[in-house]
Amino acid sequence: MDSSKEQRNLLRQEILAKRRQLTAKESAQAGLSILKTIMQMNVFKRTVNVASYISLSGELCTQDMNEYFMTRHHLCLPYMVTGQKGKMDFYSFKKGDELVENRFHILEPKNQPENLVLEDKIDVIVVPLVAFDNKGNRMGMGGGYYDRMLKKVRKDCLVIGVAYEFQQVDELLVEEWDMPMDIVITEKNCYEFRKQR
């Protein structure tokens, strides 16, 4: 394994270990703090199509955020396409819709063709991350799902990373396929790197 890949893996394991130590209450509180920032943003003053995700244990809780998106905006959630490495689609999701557990034990919407949301219809995408740096670079879990998706969304689609403050590092070793974020919101700060609408 080359040293840059090894460094990324070590950093990933270190941050994931920290994340696993957090309680469900701490995760929910961080999610609420981030929601308060989101609700103040100009982009959410009008109704938009928001792609979000369902948090797993350790990740900051996205439940309140997704409730807000469902109530005030149009929410869509990711579906990992079986048999196509790193491919992910988004499907619209409303209150009462069913979620199904996939092979990675992640809850997903059903992939009903009429609910498919094409990439060019997404106005804002909220992305999970393992680490981010002071230039808005993102390190994910290593599967490449979000990097591939971020290459397909419109140029004016606002990319918002959500994370705990401790997930910030000075500088990430960036690979050519890594896609940066416009904004990262933590429970303590809002970091703006690129376009703000």
N, C-alpha and C. Protein backbone atom coordinates (compact mmCIF):
# COMPACT_ATOMS: atom_id res chain seq x y z
N MET A 1 0.86 -1.20 0.00
CA MET A 1 0.00 0.00 0.00
C MET A 1 0.89 1.24 0.00
N ASP A 2 0.62 2.21 -0.90
CA ASP A 2 1.48 3.40 -0.92
C ASP A 2 1.21 4.25 0.32
N SER A 3 2.21 5.11 0.65
CA SER A 3 2.16 5.81 1.94
C SER A 3 0.98 6.78 2.05
N SER A 4 0.57 7.42 0.92
CA SER A 4 -0.55 8.37 0.99
C SER A 4 -1.85 7.63 1.30
N LYS A 5 -2.01 6.44 0.70
CA LYS A 5 -3.21 5.65 0.95
C LYS A 5 -3.21 5.17 2.40
N GLU A 6 -2.04 4.79 2.87
CA GLU A 6 -1.90 4.33 4.25
C GLU A 6 -2.23 5.46 5.24
N GLN A 7 -1.75 6.66 4.93
CA GLN A 7 -2.03 7.82 5.78
C GLN A 7 -3.53 8.11 5.84
N ARG A 8 -4.18 8.05 4.68
CA ARG A 8 -5.63 8.29 4.62
C ARG A 8 -6.37 7.24 5.46
N ASN A 9 -5.96 6.00 5.34
CA ASN A 9 -6.61 4.93 6.09
C ASN A 9 -6.42 5.08 7.60
N LEU A 10 -5.22 5.49 8.00
CA LEU A 10 -4.96 5.70 9.43
C LEU A 10 -5.81 6.84 9.97
N LEU A 11 -5.89 7.94 9.21
CA LEU A 11 -6.70 9.08 9.62
C LEU A 11 -8.18 8.66 9.70
N ARG A 12 -8.62 7.92 8.70
CA ARG A 12 -10.02 7.45 8.67
C ARG A 12 -10.33 6.62 9.93
N GLN A 13 -9.44 5.68 10.24
CA GLN A 13 -9.67 4.82 11.41
C GLN A 13 -9.66 5.61 12.72
N GLU A 14 -8.78 6.59 12.79
CA GLU A 14 -8.66 7.42 14.00
C GLU A 14 -9.96 8.21 14.25
N ILE A 15 -10.48 8.83 13.17
CA ILE A 15 -11.70 9.64 13.32
C ILE A 15 -12.92 8.75 13.56
N LEU A 16 -12.99 7.62 12.86
CA LEU A 16 -14.12 6.71 13.07
C LEU A 16 -14.14 6.18 14.52
N ALA A 17 -12.95 5.93 15.08
CA ALA A 17 -12.87 5.47 16.48
C ALA A 17 -13.42 6.54 17.42
N LYS A 18 -13.08 7.81 17.15
CA LYS A 18 -13.59 8.93 17.96
C LYS A 18 -15.10 9.01 17.84
N ARG A 19 -15.58 8.84 16.63
CA ARG A 19 -17.02 8.95 16.38
C ARG A 19 -17.80 7.86 17.12
N ARG A 20 -17.21 6.66 17.17
CA ARG A 20 -17.89 5.54 17.82
C ARG A 20 -18.05 5.75 19.33
N GLN A 21 -17.23 6.63 19.90
CA GLN A 21 -17.30 6.88 21.35
C GLN A 21 -18.44 7.82 21.74
N LEU A 22 -19.06 8.45 20.75
CA LEU A 22 -20.12 9.41 21.06
C LEU A 22 -21.43 8.70 21.39
N THR A 23 -22.20 9.31 22.27
CA THR A 23 -23.50 8.74 22.63
C THR A 23 -24.55 9.17 21.61
N ALA A 24 -25.68 8.46 21.62
CA ALA A 24 -26.80 8.82 20.73
C ALA A 24 -27.27 10.25 21.04
N LYS A 25 -27.22 10.63 22.31
CA LYS A 25 -27.65 11.98 22.70
C LYS A 25 -26.72 13.04 22.11
N GLU A 26 -25.41 12.79 22.16
CA GLU A 26 -24.44 13.74 21.59
C GLU A 26 -24.63 13.86 20.08
N SER A 27 -24.90 12.73 19.45
CA SER A 27 -25.13 12.70 18.00
C SER A 27 -26.37 13.51 17.64
N ALA A 28 -27.45 13.34 18.42
CA ALA A 28 -28.71 14.06 18.17
C ALA A 28 -28.54 15.55 18.41
N GLN A 29 -27.79 15.92 19.46
CA GLN A 29 -27.56 17.34 19.76
C GLN A 29 -26.77 18.02 18.65
N ALA A 30 -25.75 17.32 18.14
CA ALA A 30 -24.96 17.87 17.03
C ALA A 30 -25.84 18.07 15.79
N GLY A 31 -26.71 17.09 15.53
CA GLY A 31 -27.62 17.20 14.39
C GLY A 31 -28.56 18.39 14.51
N LEU A 32 -29.05 18.65 15.72
CA LEU A 32 -29.95 19.79 15.96
C LEU A 32 -29.22 21.11 15.78
N SER A 33 -27.98 21.18 16.25
CA SER A 33 -27.18 22.41 16.08
C SER A 33 -26.98 22.72 14.61
N ILE A 34 -26.70 21.68 13.83
CA ILE A 34 -26.48 21.86 12.40
C ILE A 34 -27.78 22.27 11.71
N LEU A 35 -28.89 21.70 12.13
CA LEU A 35 -30.19 22.07 11.56
C LEU A 35 -30.47 23.56 11.78
N LYS A 36 -30.14 24.08 12.95
CA LYS A 36 -30.36 25.51 13.24
C LYS A 36 -29.61 26.38 12.23
N THR A 37 -28.38 25.99 11.90
CA THR A 37 -27.60 26.74 10.90
C THR A 37 -28.24 26.62 9.52
N ILE A 38 -28.64 25.42 9.15
CA ILE A 38 -29.28 25.15 7.85
C ILE A 38 -30.52 26.02 7.67
N MET A 39 -31.34 26.11 8.71
CA MET A 39 -32.60 26.86 8.61
C MET A 39 -32.38 28.36 8.38
N GLN A 40 -31.20 28.85 8.70
CA GLN A 40 -30.88 30.28 8.51
C GLN A 40 -30.31 30.57 7.12
N MET A 41 -29.97 29.54 6.36
CA MET A 41 -29.29 29.75 5.08
C MET A 41 -30.25 30.26 4.00
N ASN A 42 -29.75 31.18 3.19
CA ASN A 42 -30.57 31.78 2.12
C ASN A 42 -31.16 30.75 1.17
N VAL A 43 -30.39 29.72 0.85
CA VAL A 43 -30.84 28.74 -0.13
C VAL A 43 -32.13 28.05 0.32
N PHE A 44 -32.35 27.98 1.64
CA PHE A 44 -33.54 27.30 2.15
C PHE A 44 -34.71 28.25 2.42
N LYS A 45 -34.58 29.50 1.97
CA LYS A 45 -35.69 30.44 2.12
C LYS A 45 -36.77 30.18 1.06
N ARG A 46 -36.42 29.40 0.04
CA ARG A 46 -37.41 28.98 -0.97
C ARG A 46 -37.43 27.46 -0.99
N THR A 47 -38.42 26.87 -1.63
CA THR A 47 -38.54 25.41 -1.68
C THR A 47 -37.54 24.85 -2.69
N VAL A 48 -36.73 23.90 -2.22
CA VAL A 48 -35.70 23.31 -3.10
C VAL A 48 -35.73 21.79 -3.02
N ASN A 49 -35.10 21.16 -4.00
CA ASN A 49 -34.91 19.70 -3.97
C ASN A 49 -33.61 19.41 -3.24
N VAL A 50 -33.72 18.73 -2.09
CA VAL A 50 -32.54 18.45 -1.25
C VAL A 50 -32.25 16.95 -1.23
N ALA A 51 -31.03 16.60 -1.58
CA ALA A 51 -30.58 15.22 -1.43
C ALA A 51 -29.86 15.13 -0.08
N SER A 52 -30.35 14.27 0.80
CA SER A 52 -29.72 14.08 2.10
C SER A 52 -29.41 12.60 2.27
N TYR A 53 -29.20 12.16 3.49
CA TYR A 53 -28.91 10.75 3.75
C TYR A 53 -29.38 10.38 5.14
N ILE A 54 -29.47 9.09 5.41
CA ILE A 54 -29.88 8.61 6.73
C ILE A 54 -28.62 8.20 7.49
N SER A 55 -28.42 8.84 8.64
CA SER A 55 -27.19 8.60 9.40
C SER A 55 -27.15 7.19 10.00
N LEU A 56 -25.93 6.68 10.09
CA LEU A 56 -25.67 5.41 10.76
C LEU A 56 -25.14 5.71 12.15
N SER A 57 -25.05 4.69 12.99
CA SER A 57 -24.55 4.93 14.35
C SER A 57 -23.15 5.53 14.29
N GLY A 58 -22.91 6.53 15.12
CA GLY A 58 -21.61 7.22 15.13
C GLY A 58 -21.66 8.51 14.33
N GLU A 59 -22.34 8.47 13.17
CA GLU A 59 -22.49 9.70 12.39
C GLU A 59 -23.43 10.64 13.15
N LEU A 60 -23.25 11.94 12.93
CA LEU A 60 -24.19 12.85 13.60
C LEU A 60 -25.59 12.58 13.05
N CYS A 61 -26.57 12.68 13.90
CA CYS A 61 -27.93 12.27 13.56
C CYS A 61 -28.58 13.24 12.56
N THR A 62 -29.06 12.70 11.45
CA THR A 62 -29.69 13.53 10.41
C THR A 62 -31.22 13.49 10.49
N GLN A 63 -31.75 12.86 11.52
CA GLN A 63 -33.21 12.67 11.58
C GLN A 63 -33.98 13.99 11.60
N ASP A 64 -33.59 14.93 12.47
CA ASP A 64 -34.30 16.22 12.55
C ASP A 64 -34.13 17.02 11.26
N MET A 65 -32.95 16.95 10.69
CA MET A 65 -32.66 17.64 9.44
C MET A 65 -33.58 17.12 8.33
N ASN A 66 -33.68 15.79 8.24
CA ASN A 66 -34.52 15.19 7.20
C ASN A 66 -36.00 15.48 7.42
N GLU A 67 -36.42 15.54 8.68
CA GLU A 67 -37.82 15.91 8.99
C GLU A 67 -38.10 17.32 8.46
N TYR A 68 -37.15 18.22 8.69
CA TYR A 68 -37.30 19.61 8.21
C TYR A 68 -37.36 19.63 6.68
N PHE A 69 -36.46 18.89 6.03
CA PHE A 69 -36.46 18.86 4.56
C PHE A 69 -37.78 18.30 4.02
N MET A 70 -38.33 17.28 4.69
CA MET A 70 -39.60 16.70 4.24
C MET A 70 -40.75 17.67 4.40
N THR A 71 -40.70 18.46 5.47
CA THR A 71 -41.80 19.38 5.79
C THR A 71 -41.77 20.63 4.92
N ARG A 72 -40.57 21.16 4.70
CA ARG A 72 -40.45 22.46 4.04
C ARG A 72 -39.93 22.40 2.61
N HIS A 73 -39.33 21.29 2.24
CA HIS A 73 -38.70 21.17 0.92
C HIS A 73 -39.06 19.82 0.30
N HIS A 74 -38.33 19.43 -0.75
CA HIS A 74 -38.53 18.11 -1.36
C HIS A 74 -37.28 17.28 -1.05
N LEU A 75 -37.47 16.23 -0.28
CA LEU A 75 -36.33 15.40 0.15
C LEU A 75 -36.16 14.21 -0.77
N CYS A 76 -34.90 13.91 -1.09
CA CYS A 76 -34.60 12.64 -1.74
C CYS A 76 -33.43 11.99 -1.01
N LEU A 77 -33.41 10.66 -1.04
CA LEU A 77 -32.42 9.89 -0.28
C LEU A 77 -31.67 8.93 -1.21
N PRO A 78 -30.44 8.56 -0.83
CA PRO A 78 -29.63 7.71 -1.72
C PRO A 78 -30.00 6.24 -1.71
N TYR A 79 -29.79 5.64 -2.86
CA TYR A 79 -29.99 4.20 -3.06
C TYR A 79 -28.74 3.67 -3.76
N MET A 80 -28.07 2.72 -3.13
CA MET A 80 -26.84 2.17 -3.72
C MET A 80 -27.21 1.09 -4.74
N VAL A 81 -26.83 1.31 -5.98
CA VAL A 81 -27.23 0.41 -7.06
C VAL A 81 -26.45 -0.90 -6.96
N THR A 82 -27.17 -2.02 -6.87
CA THR A 82 -26.54 -3.34 -6.74
C THR A 82 -25.86 -3.72 -8.06
N GLY A 83 -24.65 -4.24 -7.92
CA GLY A 83 -23.94 -4.74 -9.10
C GLY A 83 -23.21 -3.68 -9.90
N GLN A 84 -23.30 -2.42 -9.50
CA GLN A 84 -22.56 -1.36 -10.19
C GLN A 84 -21.71 -0.62 -9.15
N LYS A 85 -20.41 -0.89 -9.16
CA LYS A 85 -19.50 -0.39 -8.13
C LYS A 85 -19.56 1.14 -8.01
N GLY A 86 -19.83 1.59 -6.79
CA GLY A 86 -19.81 3.03 -6.51
C GLY A 86 -20.95 3.82 -7.11
N LYS A 87 -21.99 3.14 -7.65
CA LYS A 87 -23.10 3.88 -8.27
C LYS A 87 -24.24 4.06 -7.28
N MET A 88 -24.73 5.29 -7.23
CA MET A 88 -25.78 5.65 -6.31
C MET A 88 -26.81 6.51 -7.04
N ASP A 89 -28.08 6.27 -6.78
CA ASP A 89 -29.16 7.11 -7.31
C ASP A 89 -29.90 7.74 -6.14
N PHE A 90 -30.72 8.74 -6.42
CA PHE A 90 -31.55 9.35 -5.39
C PHE A 90 -33.03 9.17 -5.73
N TYR A 91 -33.82 8.88 -4.69
CA TYR A 91 -35.26 8.70 -4.84
C TYR A 91 -35.99 9.62 -3.88
N SER A 92 -37.06 10.23 -4.35
CA SER A 92 -37.82 11.13 -3.48
C SER A 92 -38.40 10.35 -2.31
N PHE A 93 -38.51 11.02 -1.18
CA PHE A 93 -38.97 10.37 0.04
C PHE A 93 -39.90 11.30 0.80
N LYS A 94 -41.07 10.78 1.15
CA LYS A 94 -42.07 11.57 1.88
C LYS A 94 -42.43 10.87 3.17
N LYS A 95 -43.05 11.61 4.08
CA LYS A 95 -43.51 11.03 5.36
C LYS A 95 -44.37 9.80 5.08
N GLY A 96 -44.10 8.73 5.81
CA GLY A 96 -44.89 7.50 5.64
C GLY A 96 -44.31 6.53 4.64
N ASP A 97 -43.35 6.98 3.79
CA ASP A 97 -42.72 6.06 2.83
C ASP A 97 -41.87 5.04 3.58
N GLU A 98 -41.72 3.88 2.97
CA GLU A 98 -40.99 2.80 3.62
C GLU A 98 -39.50 2.86 3.30
N LEU A 99 -38.68 2.50 4.30
CA LEU A 99 -37.24 2.37 4.10
C LEU A 99 -36.88 0.89 4.17
N VAL A 100 -35.91 0.48 3.36
CA VAL A 100 -35.49 -0.92 3.31
C VAL A 100 -34.00 -0.99 3.63
N GLU A 101 -33.58 -2.00 4.40
CA GLU A 101 -32.16 -2.15 4.76
C GLU A 101 -31.41 -2.81 3.60
N ASN A 102 -30.28 -2.22 3.17
CA ASN A 102 -29.52 -2.82 2.08
C ASN A 102 -28.44 -3.77 2.62
N ARG A 103 -27.59 -4.27 1.73
CA ARG A 103 -26.59 -5.28 2.12
C ARG A 103 -25.56 -4.72 3.10
N PHE A 104 -25.42 -3.38 3.17
CA PHE A 104 -24.49 -2.76 4.12
C PHE A 104 -25.21 -2.36 5.42
N HIS A 105 -26.45 -2.79 5.56
CA HIS A 105 -27.30 -2.45 6.73
C HIS A 105 -27.62 -0.96 6.79
N ILE A 106 -27.65 -0.32 5.61
CA ILE A 106 -28.03 1.09 5.51
C ILE A 106 -29.48 1.15 5.05
N LEU A 107 -30.26 2.01 5.68
CA LEU A 107 -31.66 2.16 5.28
C LEU A 107 -31.75 3.01 4.02
N GLU A 108 -32.54 2.54 3.06
CA GLU A 108 -32.69 3.22 1.77
C GLU A 108 -34.16 3.30 1.39
N PRO A 109 -34.49 4.26 0.51
CA PRO A 109 -35.85 4.27 -0.05
C PRO A 109 -35.97 3.13 -1.05
N LYS A 110 -37.20 2.75 -1.37
CA LYS A 110 -37.40 1.74 -2.42
C LYS A 110 -37.07 2.39 -3.77
N ASN A 111 -36.47 1.62 -4.66
CA ASN A 111 -36.09 2.18 -5.96
C ASN A 111 -37.23 2.07 -6.96
N GLN A 112 -38.32 2.78 -6.66
CA GLN A 112 -39.46 2.79 -7.58
C GLN A 112 -39.17 3.81 -8.69
N PRO A 113 -39.22 3.39 -9.95
CA PRO A 113 -38.82 4.26 -11.06
C PRO A 113 -39.49 5.64 -11.05
N GLU A 114 -40.78 5.70 -10.65
CA GLU A 114 -41.48 7.00 -10.69
C GLU A 114 -40.95 7.97 -9.63
N ASN A 115 -40.17 7.47 -8.66
CA ASN A 115 -39.63 8.34 -7.60
C ASN A 115 -38.16 8.71 -7.83
N LEU A 116 -37.59 8.24 -8.93
CA LEU A 116 -36.19 8.56 -9.22
C LEU A 116 -36.02 10.06 -9.43
N VAL A 117 -35.03 10.65 -8.78
CA VAL A 117 -34.74 12.08 -8.95
C VAL A 117 -33.42 12.19 -9.73
N LEU A 118 -33.49 12.76 -10.92
CA LEU A 118 -32.29 12.87 -11.76
C LEU A 118 -31.34 13.91 -11.15
N GLU A 119 -30.04 13.69 -11.40
CA GLU A 119 -29.01 14.53 -10.80
C GLU A 119 -29.22 16.02 -11.09
N ASP A 120 -29.70 16.35 -12.30
CA ASP A 120 -29.85 17.76 -12.67
C ASP A 120 -31.05 18.43 -11.99
N LYS A 121 -31.83 17.66 -11.23
CA LYS A 121 -32.97 18.23 -10.50
C LYS A 121 -32.61 18.57 -9.04
N ILE A 122 -31.41 18.17 -8.62
CA ILE A 122 -31.00 18.38 -7.23
C ILE A 122 -30.41 19.79 -7.07
N ASP A 123 -30.99 20.56 -6.14
CA ASP A 123 -30.51 21.93 -5.88
C ASP A 123 -29.44 21.97 -4.79
N VAL A 124 -29.60 21.12 -3.79
CA VAL A 124 -28.67 21.06 -2.65
C VAL A 124 -28.41 19.60 -2.33
N ILE A 125 -27.15 19.26 -2.08
CA ILE A 125 -26.84 17.89 -1.66
C ILE A 125 -26.08 17.95 -0.34
N VAL A 126 -26.61 17.24 0.65
CA VAL A 126 -25.98 17.17 1.98
C VAL A 126 -25.19 15.87 2.02
N VAL A 127 -23.88 15.98 2.25
CA VAL A 127 -23.02 14.79 2.15
C VAL A 127 -22.40 14.42 3.50
N PRO A 128 -22.33 13.11 3.77
CA PRO A 128 -21.62 12.65 4.97
C PRO A 128 -20.12 12.69 4.69
N LEU A 129 -19.32 12.69 5.73
CA LEU A 129 -17.88 12.68 5.52
C LEU A 129 -17.18 12.12 6.75
N VAL A 130 -15.94 11.69 6.54
CA VAL A 130 -15.12 11.22 7.66
C VAL A 130 -14.21 12.36 8.12
N ALA A 131 -13.67 13.11 7.15
CA ALA A 131 -12.80 14.24 7.50
C ALA A 131 -12.93 15.32 6.43
N PHE A 132 -12.63 16.57 6.83
CA PHE A 132 -12.57 17.68 5.86
C PHE A 132 -11.43 18.59 6.27
N ASP A 133 -10.91 19.34 5.28
CA ASP A 133 -9.81 20.25 5.60
C ASP A 133 -10.22 21.70 5.36
N ASN A 134 -9.26 22.61 5.57
CA ASN A 134 -9.60 24.04 5.50
C ASN A 134 -9.72 24.57 4.07
N LYS A 135 -9.69 23.66 3.08
CA LYS A 135 -9.95 24.07 1.69
C LYS A 135 -11.28 23.48 1.19
N GLY A 136 -11.97 22.75 2.07
CA GLY A 136 -13.25 22.15 1.66
C GLY A 136 -13.11 20.79 1.03
N ASN A 137 -11.90 20.20 1.11
CA ASN A 137 -11.72 18.84 0.60
C ASN A 137 -12.38 17.85 1.56
N ARG A 138 -12.87 16.76 1.00
CA ARG A 138 -13.62 15.77 1.77
C ARG A 138 -12.98 14.40 1.68
N MET A 139 -12.96 13.71 2.81
CA MET A 139 -12.60 12.29 2.79
C MET A 139 -13.81 11.50 3.28
N GLY A 140 -14.26 10.56 2.45
CA GLY A 140 -15.40 9.74 2.81
C GLY A 140 -14.95 8.37 3.31
N MET A 141 -15.84 7.40 3.16
CA MET A 141 -15.55 6.05 3.64
C MET A 141 -14.67 5.26 2.66
N GLY A 142 -14.47 5.80 1.46
CA GLY A 142 -13.57 5.14 0.52
C GLY A 142 -14.26 4.40 -0.61
N GLY A 143 -15.60 4.41 -0.62
CA GLY A 143 -16.32 3.68 -1.68
C GLY A 143 -16.49 4.47 -2.96
N GLY A 144 -16.32 5.79 -2.89
CA GLY A 144 -16.42 6.63 -4.09
C GLY A 144 -17.83 6.98 -4.53
N TYR A 145 -18.85 6.58 -3.75
CA TYR A 145 -20.24 6.83 -4.15
C TYR A 145 -20.51 8.33 -4.31
N TYR A 146 -20.11 9.11 -3.31
CA TYR A 146 -20.42 10.55 -3.37
C TYR A 146 -19.54 11.28 -4.38
N ASP A 147 -18.27 10.89 -4.52
CA ASP A 147 -17.42 11.54 -5.52
C ASP A 147 -18.01 11.36 -6.92
N ARG A 148 -18.51 10.17 -7.21
CA ARG A 148 -19.13 9.92 -8.52
C ARG A 148 -20.40 10.75 -8.69
N MET A 149 -21.21 10.81 -7.64
CA MET A 149 -22.46 11.58 -7.71
C MET A 149 -22.17 13.07 -7.88
N LEU A 150 -21.18 13.58 -7.14
CA LEU A 150 -20.89 15.02 -7.20
C LEU A 150 -20.36 15.46 -8.56
N LYS A 151 -19.84 14.52 -9.32
CA LYS A 151 -19.40 14.84 -10.69
C LYS A 151 -20.60 15.02 -11.62
N LYS A 152 -21.77 14.47 -11.23
CA LYS A 152 -22.94 14.48 -12.11
C LYS A 152 -23.93 15.61 -11.82
N VAL A 153 -23.90 16.16 -10.59
CA VAL A 153 -24.89 17.20 -10.26
C VAL A 153 -24.56 18.48 -11.02
N ARG A 154 -25.54 19.40 -11.08
CA ARG A 154 -25.34 20.67 -11.77
C ARG A 154 -24.22 21.47 -11.11
N LYS A 155 -23.59 22.35 -11.90
CA LYS A 155 -22.52 23.20 -11.38
C LYS A 155 -23.02 24.09 -10.24
N ASP A 156 -24.30 24.50 -10.29
CA ASP A 156 -24.82 25.41 -9.26
C ASP A 156 -25.47 24.66 -8.09
N CYS A 157 -25.36 23.33 -8.07
CA CYS A 157 -25.89 22.56 -6.94
C CYS A 157 -24.98 22.83 -5.74
N LEU A 158 -25.59 23.21 -4.62
CA LEU A 158 -24.82 23.55 -3.42
C LEU A 158 -24.48 22.27 -2.66
N VAL A 159 -23.17 22.05 -2.43
CA VAL A 159 -22.71 20.84 -1.75
C VAL A 159 -22.36 21.18 -0.31
N ILE A 160 -23.16 20.62 0.62
CA ILE A 160 -22.98 20.91 2.04
C ILE A 160 -22.51 19.65 2.76
N GLY A 161 -21.34 19.71 3.37
CA GLY A 161 -20.87 18.61 4.21
C GLY A 161 -21.33 18.86 5.64
N VAL A 162 -21.71 17.80 6.34
CA VAL A 162 -22.06 17.94 7.76
C VAL A 162 -21.16 17.01 8.57
N ALA A 163 -20.64 17.54 9.69
CA ALA A 163 -19.64 16.79 10.45
C ALA A 163 -19.54 17.33 11.86
N TYR A 164 -18.85 16.57 12.70
CA TYR A 164 -18.48 17.07 14.02
C TYR A 164 -17.24 17.95 13.84
N GLU A 165 -17.07 18.90 14.74
CA GLU A 165 -15.91 19.80 14.67
C GLU A 165 -14.58 19.03 14.67
N PHE A 166 -14.52 17.92 15.42
CA PHE A 166 -13.24 17.18 15.51
C PHE A 166 -12.87 16.47 14.21
N GLN A 167 -13.77 16.49 13.23
CA GLN A 167 -13.46 15.84 11.95
C GLN A 167 -12.67 16.77 11.02
N GLN A 168 -12.42 17.98 11.47
CA GLN A 168 -11.63 18.91 10.65
C GLN A 168 -10.14 18.64 10.85
N VAL A 169 -9.40 18.61 9.74
CA VAL A 169 -7.94 18.47 9.79
C VAL A 169 -7.35 19.62 8.98
N ASP A 170 -6.05 19.88 9.17
CA ASP A 170 -5.41 21.00 8.46
C ASP A 170 -5.41 20.78 6.96
N GLU A 171 -5.00 19.60 6.56
CA GLU A 171 -4.89 19.33 5.12
C GLU A 171 -5.09 17.86 4.84
N LEU A 172 -5.89 17.57 3.83
CA LEU A 172 -6.11 16.18 3.41
C LEU A 172 -5.27 15.89 2.18
N LEU A 173 -4.79 14.68 2.07
CA LEU A 173 -4.12 14.24 0.85
C LEU A 173 -5.23 13.98 -0.17
N VAL A 174 -5.26 14.78 -1.21
CA VAL A 174 -6.37 14.72 -2.17
C VAL A 174 -6.00 13.89 -3.38
N GLU A 175 -6.93 13.01 -3.76
CA GLU A 175 -6.76 12.22 -4.99
C GLU A 175 -7.49 12.95 -6.12
N GLU A 176 -7.15 12.64 -7.37
CA GLU A 176 -7.72 13.37 -8.50
C GLU A 176 -9.24 13.23 -8.59
N TRP A 177 -9.78 12.11 -8.07
CA TRP A 177 -11.23 11.89 -8.17
C TRP A 177 -12.01 12.52 -7.00
N ASP A 178 -11.31 13.01 -5.99
CA ASP A 178 -12.00 13.59 -4.83
C ASP A 178 -12.70 14.88 -5.20
N MET A 179 -13.96 15.00 -4.79
CA MET A 179 -14.75 16.19 -5.10
C MET A 179 -14.90 17.06 -3.86
N PRO A 180 -14.60 18.37 -3.99
CA PRO A 180 -14.68 19.26 -2.83
C PRO A 180 -16.11 19.68 -2.50
N MET A 181 -16.26 20.31 -1.34
CA MET A 181 -17.57 20.79 -0.90
C MET A 181 -17.60 22.31 -0.91
N ASP A 182 -18.79 22.88 -0.97
CA ASP A 182 -18.93 24.34 -0.94
C ASP A 182 -18.94 24.86 0.49
N ILE A 183 -19.57 24.11 1.37
CA ILE A 183 -19.77 24.52 2.77
C ILE A 183 -19.65 23.27 3.64
N VAL A 184 -19.09 23.43 4.84
CA VAL A 184 -19.18 22.35 5.84
C VAL A 184 -19.77 22.97 7.10
N ILE A 185 -20.79 22.31 7.64
CA ILE A 185 -21.42 22.77 8.88
C ILE A 185 -21.12 21.75 9.97
N THR A 186 -20.60 22.26 11.10
CA THR A 186 -20.39 21.40 12.26
C THR A 186 -21.30 21.91 13.37
N GLU A 187 -21.26 21.24 14.51
CA GLU A 187 -22.09 21.67 15.64
C GLU A 187 -21.62 23.02 16.21
N LYS A 188 -20.41 23.47 15.77
CA LYS A 188 -19.87 24.73 16.31
C LYS A 188 -19.69 25.83 15.28
N ASN A 189 -19.47 25.46 14.03
CA ASN A 189 -19.13 26.46 13.00
C ASN A 189 -19.76 26.14 11.65
N CYS A 190 -19.76 27.19 10.80
CA CYS A 190 -20.14 27.00 9.40
C CYS A 190 -18.96 27.50 8.57
N TYR A 191 -18.34 26.62 7.81
CA TYR A 191 -17.16 26.94 7.00
C TYR A 191 -17.60 27.09 5.55
N GLU A 192 -17.35 28.26 4.97
CA GLU A 192 -17.70 28.48 3.57
C GLU A 192 -16.45 28.44 2.71
N PHE A 193 -16.46 27.59 1.72
CA PHE A 193 -15.29 27.42 0.86
C PHE A 193 -15.53 27.93 -0.54
N ARG A 194 -16.72 27.73 -1.05
CA ARG A 194 -17.03 28.14 -2.41
C ARG A 194 -18.39 28.81 -2.46
N LYS A 195 -19.12 28.57 -3.52
CA LYS A 195 -20.37 29.30 -3.75
C LYS A 195 -21.35 29.22 -2.60
N GLN A 196 -21.97 30.34 -2.34
CA GLN A 196 -23.05 30.41 -1.34
C GLN A 196 -24.20 31.08 -2.06
N ARG A 197 -25.41 30.51 -1.94
CA ARG A 197 -26.53 31.07 -2.69
C ARG A 197 -27.58 31.62 -1.72
